Amino acid sequence: MIWPFRRGPNQSALGPRGEKLACKFLKRLGFKVLAENYRCPAGEADLIALDPSTRKELGAETIVFVEVKTRRSDRYADPESAVDSRKREHLRKVAKYYLATRKAEDFCTRFDIVSVVLSQGEQPRIKHIPGAF
């Protein structure tokens, strides 16, 4: 018999908590958050942000589509390892929809991952991976 997966009492809050921490982290890096939990017919993106730091180097600001992965531990695998090819393709489709519905031709685009580890009794560990895919 296969037992169904059941979330613990605090587990359902893990993802949203990690996304909030990731949002604050990116803002501290100078990003402007354009959308949180963006939903469209193509799916959902955790965060969409504007990275102004690329203006000097690339001649344009960059719209960044961010996948946030939060875990209680990275003992067996880093949270970012959960962003598989299916998830990457999903986020590309969301990005395509987002860009098609806005005047975004003057912007570069990028896909980042922010991994968050929230181990009990420890400070959150946040890792930003720009251009992850």
N, C-alpha and C. Protein backbone atom coordinates (compact mmCIF):
# COMPACT_ATOMS: atom_id res chain seq x y z
N MET A 1 0.84 -1.19 0.00
CA MET A 1 0.00 0.00 0.00
C MET A 1 0.88 1.24 0.00
N ILE A 2 0.53 2.23 -0.80
CA ILE A 2 1.26 3.48 -0.86
C ILE A 2 0.53 4.50 0.01
N TRP A 3 1.26 5.07 0.94
CA TRP A 3 0.65 6.04 1.84
C TRP A 3 0.66 7.40 1.18
N PRO A 4 -0.44 8.17 1.30
CA PRO A 4 -0.47 9.51 0.71
C PRO A 4 0.45 10.45 1.46
N PHE A 5 1.00 11.39 0.72
CA PHE A 5 1.85 12.41 1.33
C PHE A 5 0.98 13.36 2.14
N ARG A 6 1.37 13.60 3.35
CA ARG A 6 0.62 14.54 4.19
C ARG A 6 1.56 15.64 4.65
N ARG A 7 1.06 16.85 4.56
CA ARG A 7 1.86 17.98 5.01
C ARG A 7 1.72 18.11 6.53
N GLY A 8 2.85 18.46 7.15
CA GLY A 8 2.82 18.71 8.58
C GLY A 8 2.17 20.05 8.85
N PRO A 9 1.94 20.39 10.12
CA PRO A 9 1.23 21.62 10.45
C PRO A 9 1.94 22.89 9.97
N ASN A 10 3.26 22.89 9.92
CA ASN A 10 3.99 24.08 9.49
C ASN A 10 4.52 23.98 8.07
N GLN A 11 4.37 22.84 7.44
CA GLN A 11 4.96 22.62 6.13
C GLN A 11 4.30 23.44 5.04
N SER A 12 3.00 23.66 5.13
CA SER A 12 2.31 24.42 4.09
C SER A 12 2.75 25.87 4.08
N ALA A 13 3.28 26.37 5.17
CA ALA A 13 3.76 27.76 5.24
C ALA A 13 5.20 27.88 4.78
N LEU A 14 5.87 26.78 4.55
CA LEU A 14 7.29 26.80 4.20
C LEU A 14 7.55 27.54 2.88
N GLY A 15 6.83 27.19 1.83
CA GLY A 15 7.03 27.81 0.53
C GLY A 15 6.80 29.31 0.55
N PRO A 16 5.64 29.77 1.04
CA PRO A 16 5.40 31.22 1.10
C PRO A 16 6.42 31.97 1.95
N ARG A 17 6.87 31.35 3.02
CA ARG A 17 7.88 32.00 3.87
C ARG A 17 9.19 32.16 3.10
N GLY A 18 9.59 31.12 2.38
CA GLY A 18 10.80 31.19 1.57
C GLY A 18 10.69 32.24 0.48
N GLU A 19 9.50 32.34 -0.14
CA GLU A 19 9.30 33.33 -1.20
C GLU A 19 9.40 34.75 -0.65
N LYS A 20 8.87 34.99 0.53
CA LYS A 20 8.98 36.32 1.16
C LYS A 20 10.43 36.66 1.46
N LEU A 21 11.18 35.68 1.98
CA LEU A 21 12.60 35.91 2.26
C LEU A 21 13.38 36.17 0.97
N ALA A 22 13.06 35.43 -0.08
CA ALA A 22 13.72 35.62 -1.37
C ALA A 22 13.42 37.00 -1.92
N CYS A 23 12.19 37.45 -1.77
CA CYS A 23 11.78 38.77 -2.25
C CYS A 23 12.58 39.86 -1.52
N LYS A 24 12.66 39.78 -0.21
CA LYS A 24 13.44 40.75 0.56
C LYS A 24 14.91 40.72 0.17
N PHE A 25 15.43 39.52 -0.02
CA PHE A 25 16.83 39.34 -0.40
C PHE A 25 17.12 40.04 -1.74
N LEU A 26 16.27 39.81 -2.73
CA LEU A 26 16.48 40.42 -4.05
C LEU A 26 16.35 41.94 -3.98
N LYS A 27 15.43 42.42 -3.17
CA LYS A 27 15.29 43.88 -3.01
C LYS A 27 16.56 44.48 -2.43
N ARG A 28 17.16 43.79 -1.48
CA ARG A 28 18.42 44.27 -0.89
C ARG A 28 19.55 44.29 -1.92
N LEU A 29 19.46 43.43 -2.93
CA LEU A 29 20.45 43.42 -4.01
C LEU A 29 20.19 44.52 -5.04
N GLY A 30 19.09 45.24 -4.87
CA GLY A 30 18.76 46.32 -5.79
C GLY A 30 17.73 45.99 -6.84
N PHE A 31 17.16 44.79 -6.78
CA PHE A 31 16.12 44.40 -7.73
C PHE A 31 14.82 45.12 -7.38
N LYS A 32 14.00 45.38 -8.38
CA LYS A 32 12.65 45.89 -8.17
C LYS A 32 11.70 44.74 -8.47
N VAL A 33 10.93 44.34 -7.48
CA VAL A 33 10.01 43.22 -7.66
C VAL A 33 8.78 43.71 -8.41
N LEU A 34 8.53 43.10 -9.57
CA LEU A 34 7.39 43.47 -10.41
C LEU A 34 6.15 42.65 -10.07
N ALA A 35 6.34 41.40 -9.68
CA ALA A 35 5.20 40.54 -9.36
C ALA A 35 5.63 39.43 -8.42
N GLU A 36 4.73 39.10 -7.50
CA GLU A 36 4.91 37.94 -6.62
C GLU A 36 3.78 36.97 -6.94
N ASN A 37 4.11 35.69 -7.06
CA ASN A 37 3.13 34.66 -7.38
C ASN A 37 2.29 35.05 -8.60
N TYR A 38 2.99 35.42 -9.66
CA TYR A 38 2.33 35.82 -10.91
C TYR A 38 1.64 34.62 -11.53
N ARG A 39 0.36 34.77 -11.83
CA ARG A 39 -0.43 33.69 -12.44
C ARG A 39 -0.97 34.16 -13.78
N CYS A 40 -0.92 33.26 -14.76
CA CYS A 40 -1.42 33.54 -16.10
C CYS A 40 -1.88 32.22 -16.71
N PRO A 41 -2.47 32.24 -17.90
CA PRO A 41 -2.90 30.97 -18.52
C PRO A 41 -1.77 29.96 -18.71
N ALA A 42 -0.53 30.43 -18.80
CA ALA A 42 0.61 29.53 -18.99
C ALA A 42 1.10 28.91 -17.69
N GLY A 43 0.67 29.45 -16.56
CA GLY A 43 1.11 28.91 -15.27
C GLY A 43 1.43 29.99 -14.27
N GLU A 44 2.41 29.72 -13.43
CA GLU A 44 2.75 30.62 -12.32
C GLU A 44 4.25 30.79 -12.20
N ALA A 45 4.66 32.01 -11.83
CA ALA A 45 6.06 32.30 -11.52
C ALA A 45 6.11 32.82 -10.09
N ASP A 46 7.08 32.34 -9.32
CA ASP A 46 7.19 32.78 -7.93
C ASP A 46 7.43 34.28 -7.84
N LEU A 47 8.44 34.75 -8.55
CA LEU A 47 8.78 36.17 -8.55
C LEU A 47 9.17 36.62 -9.95
N ILE A 48 8.81 37.85 -10.28
CA ILE A 48 9.30 38.50 -11.48
C ILE A 48 9.89 39.81 -11.01
N ALA A 49 11.14 40.05 -11.38
CA ALA A 49 11.83 41.23 -10.87
C ALA A 49 12.60 41.93 -11.99
N LEU A 50 12.96 43.15 -11.72
CA LEU A 50 13.75 43.94 -12.65
C LEU A 50 15.13 44.14 -12.06
N ASP A 51 16.16 43.74 -12.79
CA ASP A 51 17.54 43.90 -12.34
C ASP A 51 18.16 45.08 -13.08
N PRO A 52 18.25 46.24 -12.43
CA PRO A 52 18.79 47.42 -13.09
C PRO A 52 20.31 47.40 -13.25
N SER A 53 20.98 46.48 -12.56
CA SER A 53 22.44 46.45 -12.59
C SER A 53 22.99 46.08 -13.96
N THR A 54 22.17 45.54 -14.83
CA THR A 54 22.65 45.11 -16.15
C THR A 54 22.62 46.24 -17.18
N ARG A 55 22.05 47.38 -16.81
CA ARG A 55 21.93 48.49 -17.76
C ARG A 55 23.29 48.91 -18.30
N LYS A 56 24.28 49.05 -17.44
CA LYS A 56 25.59 49.52 -17.87
C LYS A 56 26.27 48.49 -18.78
N GLU A 57 26.24 47.23 -18.38
CA GLU A 57 26.93 46.17 -19.12
C GLU A 57 26.20 45.77 -20.41
N LEU A 58 24.88 45.62 -20.33
CA LEU A 58 24.11 45.11 -21.47
C LEU A 58 23.36 46.20 -22.23
N GLY A 59 23.31 47.39 -21.67
CA GLY A 59 22.59 48.47 -22.31
C GLY A 59 21.10 48.45 -22.05
N ALA A 60 20.65 47.55 -21.20
CA ALA A 60 19.23 47.46 -20.86
C ALA A 60 19.08 46.80 -19.49
N GLU A 61 17.99 47.13 -18.82
CA GLU A 61 17.67 46.43 -17.58
C GLU A 61 17.18 45.03 -17.94
N THR A 62 17.21 44.14 -16.98
CA THR A 62 16.85 42.75 -17.23
C THR A 62 15.62 42.36 -16.42
N ILE A 63 14.63 41.79 -17.12
CA ILE A 63 13.48 41.20 -16.43
C ILE A 63 13.89 39.79 -16.04
N VAL A 64 13.78 39.51 -14.74
CA VAL A 64 14.24 38.24 -14.20
C VAL A 64 13.05 37.43 -13.71
N PHE A 65 12.94 36.20 -14.20
CA PHE A 65 11.91 35.27 -13.76
C PHE A 65 12.58 34.35 -12.74
N VAL A 66 12.06 34.37 -11.53
CA VAL A 66 12.73 33.71 -10.41
C VAL A 66 11.92 32.53 -9.90
N GLU A 67 12.57 31.38 -9.84
CA GLU A 67 11.99 30.20 -9.20
C GLU A 67 12.59 30.10 -7.81
N VAL A 68 11.74 30.06 -6.80
CA VAL A 68 12.20 29.98 -5.41
C VAL A 68 11.95 28.55 -4.92
N LYS A 69 12.98 27.93 -4.38
CA LYS A 69 12.85 26.59 -3.80
C LYS A 69 13.26 26.67 -2.34
N THR A 70 12.36 26.23 -1.48
CA THR A 70 12.58 26.30 -0.04
C THR A 70 12.53 24.90 0.55
N ARG A 71 13.47 24.62 1.40
CA ARG A 71 13.53 23.32 2.08
C ARG A 71 13.91 23.54 3.54
N ARG A 72 13.59 22.56 4.35
CA ARG A 72 13.99 22.62 5.76
C ARG A 72 15.44 22.18 5.95
N SER A 73 15.95 21.44 4.98
CA SER A 73 17.32 20.94 5.08
C SER A 73 17.90 20.76 3.68
N ASP A 74 19.20 20.88 3.59
CA ASP A 74 19.88 20.56 2.33
C ASP A 74 20.81 19.37 2.54
N ARG A 75 20.47 18.56 3.52
CA ARG A 75 21.30 17.41 3.88
C ARG A 75 21.48 16.43 2.72
N TYR A 76 20.41 16.18 1.99
CA TYR A 76 20.47 15.19 0.92
C TYR A 76 20.59 15.80 -0.47
N ALA A 77 20.08 17.01 -0.62
CA ALA A 77 20.17 17.69 -1.92
C ALA A 77 19.91 19.18 -1.72
N ASP A 78 20.55 20.00 -2.54
CA ASP A 78 20.30 21.43 -2.51
C ASP A 78 18.89 21.70 -3.02
N PRO A 79 18.20 22.71 -2.48
CA PRO A 79 16.85 23.01 -2.95
C PRO A 79 16.78 23.26 -4.47
N GLU A 80 17.80 23.91 -5.01
CA GLU A 80 17.79 24.25 -6.44
C GLU A 80 17.80 23.02 -7.35
N SER A 81 18.21 21.87 -6.81
CA SER A 81 18.22 20.65 -7.62
C SER A 81 16.81 20.20 -7.98
N ALA A 82 15.80 20.75 -7.30
CA ALA A 82 14.41 20.40 -7.60
C ALA A 82 13.87 21.13 -8.84
N VAL A 83 14.65 22.06 -9.38
CA VAL A 83 14.22 22.76 -10.60
C VAL A 83 14.68 21.92 -11.79
N ASP A 84 13.81 20.99 -12.18
CA ASP A 84 14.13 20.06 -13.26
C ASP A 84 13.76 20.64 -14.61
N SER A 85 13.97 19.88 -15.67
CA SER A 85 13.72 20.37 -17.03
C SER A 85 12.24 20.71 -17.24
N ARG A 86 11.36 19.97 -16.62
CA ARG A 86 9.93 20.25 -16.73
C ARG A 86 9.59 21.60 -16.11
N LYS A 87 10.15 21.89 -14.94
CA LYS A 87 9.91 23.16 -14.26
C LYS A 87 10.53 24.32 -15.05
N ARG A 88 11.71 24.10 -15.60
CA ARG A 88 12.35 25.16 -16.40
C ARG A 88 11.51 25.49 -17.63
N GLU A 89 11.00 24.48 -18.31
CA GLU A 89 10.16 24.71 -19.50
C GLU A 89 8.87 25.42 -19.11
N HIS A 90 8.32 25.05 -17.99
CA HIS A 90 7.11 25.70 -17.48
C HIS A 90 7.36 27.20 -17.26
N LEU A 91 8.47 27.54 -16.63
CA LEU A 91 8.78 28.95 -16.35
C LEU A 91 9.07 29.71 -17.64
N ARG A 92 9.67 29.05 -18.62
CA ARG A 92 9.88 29.70 -19.92
C ARG A 92 8.55 30.07 -20.58
N LYS A 93 7.56 29.20 -20.47
CA LYS A 93 6.24 29.47 -21.04
C LYS A 93 5.57 30.65 -20.33
N VAL A 94 5.70 30.70 -19.02
CA VAL A 94 5.15 31.82 -18.25
C VAL A 94 5.84 33.11 -18.68
N ALA A 95 7.15 33.07 -18.83
CA ALA A 95 7.91 34.25 -19.25
C ALA A 95 7.47 34.72 -20.63
N LYS A 96 7.30 33.80 -21.53
CA LYS A 96 6.87 34.14 -22.89
C LYS A 96 5.52 34.85 -22.86
N TYR A 97 4.60 34.34 -22.06
CA TYR A 97 3.29 34.97 -21.92
C TYR A 97 3.43 36.37 -21.32
N TYR A 98 4.18 36.47 -20.24
CA TYR A 98 4.36 37.76 -19.55
C TYR A 98 4.94 38.80 -20.50
N LEU A 99 5.98 38.44 -21.22
CA LEU A 99 6.65 39.38 -22.12
C LEU A 99 5.74 39.76 -23.30
N ALA A 100 4.93 38.82 -23.77
CA ALA A 100 4.04 39.10 -24.90
C ALA A 100 2.91 40.06 -24.53
N THR A 101 2.58 40.13 -23.26
CA THR A 101 1.49 40.99 -22.82
C THR A 101 1.95 42.35 -22.31
N ARG A 102 3.23 42.63 -22.47
CA ARG A 102 3.81 43.91 -22.03
C ARG A 102 4.77 44.43 -23.08
N LYS A 103 5.04 45.70 -23.01
CA LYS A 103 6.03 46.28 -23.91
C LYS A 103 7.40 46.01 -23.30
N ALA A 104 7.99 44.88 -23.66
CA ALA A 104 9.22 44.44 -23.02
C ALA A 104 10.39 44.29 -23.99
N GLU A 105 10.24 44.81 -25.20
CA GLU A 105 11.30 44.62 -26.19
C GLU A 105 12.60 45.34 -25.83
N ASP A 106 12.56 46.32 -24.95
CA ASP A 106 13.77 47.04 -24.56
C ASP A 106 14.49 46.42 -23.37
N PHE A 107 14.02 45.25 -22.95
CA PHE A 107 14.60 44.59 -21.78
C PHE A 107 15.26 43.28 -22.17
N CYS A 108 16.30 42.93 -21.43
CA CYS A 108 16.88 41.59 -21.53
C CYS A 108 16.06 40.69 -20.59
N THR A 109 16.18 39.38 -20.73
CA THR A 109 15.50 38.47 -19.82
C THR A 109 16.49 37.45 -19.27
N ARG A 110 16.14 36.94 -18.09
CA ARG A 110 17.02 35.97 -17.44
C ARG A 110 16.18 35.10 -16.51
N PHE A 111 16.66 33.89 -16.26
CA PHE A 111 15.99 32.98 -15.34
C PHE A 111 16.93 32.68 -14.18
N ASP A 112 16.50 33.04 -12.98
CA ASP A 112 17.30 32.83 -11.77
C ASP A 112 16.60 31.84 -10.86
N ILE A 113 17.39 31.27 -9.97
CA ILE A 113 16.86 30.44 -8.89
C ILE A 113 17.33 31.06 -7.57
N VAL A 114 16.43 31.10 -6.61
CA VAL A 114 16.80 31.46 -5.25
C VAL A 114 16.45 30.26 -4.38
N SER A 115 17.47 29.69 -3.74
CA SER A 115 17.21 28.56 -2.84
C SER A 115 17.28 29.07 -1.40
N VAL A 116 16.34 28.57 -0.61
CA VAL A 116 16.24 28.99 0.78
C VAL A 116 16.20 27.74 1.64
N VAL A 117 17.07 27.69 2.63
CA VAL A 117 17.07 26.59 3.60
C VAL A 117 16.69 27.16 4.95
N LEU A 118 15.58 26.65 5.49
CA LEU A 118 15.05 27.12 6.77
C LEU A 118 15.16 26.01 7.81
N SER A 119 16.37 25.80 8.31
CA SER A 119 16.59 24.78 9.33
C SER A 119 16.17 25.33 10.69
N GLN A 120 15.49 24.51 11.45
CA GLN A 120 15.00 24.94 12.76
C GLN A 120 16.15 25.39 13.66
N GLY A 121 15.99 26.55 14.27
CA GLY A 121 16.98 27.07 15.20
C GLY A 121 18.17 27.73 14.53
N GLU A 122 18.16 27.86 13.21
CA GLU A 122 19.27 28.49 12.49
C GLU A 122 18.75 29.67 11.67
N GLN A 123 19.67 30.56 11.31
CA GLN A 123 19.33 31.65 10.41
C GLN A 123 19.03 31.07 9.03
N PRO A 124 18.09 31.65 8.29
CA PRO A 124 17.83 31.18 6.93
C PRO A 124 19.09 31.30 6.07
N ARG A 125 19.31 30.32 5.22
CA ARG A 125 20.42 30.37 4.26
C ARG A 125 19.83 30.57 2.88
N ILE A 126 20.24 31.66 2.24
CA ILE A 126 19.69 32.03 0.95
C ILE A 126 20.81 32.04 -0.06
N LYS A 127 20.55 31.39 -1.20
CA LYS A 127 21.53 31.36 -2.28
C LYS A 127 20.86 31.81 -3.57
N HIS A 128 21.45 32.82 -4.20
CA HIS A 128 20.92 33.35 -5.46
C HIS A 128 21.79 32.82 -6.60
N ILE A 129 21.12 32.24 -7.60
CA ILE A 129 21.83 31.69 -8.76
C ILE A 129 21.34 32.43 -10.00
N PRO A 130 22.03 33.53 -10.39
CA PRO A 130 21.61 34.27 -11.57
C PRO A 130 21.90 33.47 -12.84
N GLY A 131 20.99 33.58 -13.80
CA GLY A 131 21.18 32.87 -15.07
C GLY A 131 21.27 31.36 -14.88
N ALA A 132 20.44 30.81 -14.00
CA ALA A 132 20.50 29.39 -13.67
C ALA A 132 20.17 28.49 -14.85
N PHE A 133 19.36 29.00 -15.77
CA PHE A 133 19.02 28.22 -16.97
C PHE A 133 18.56 29.15 -18.06
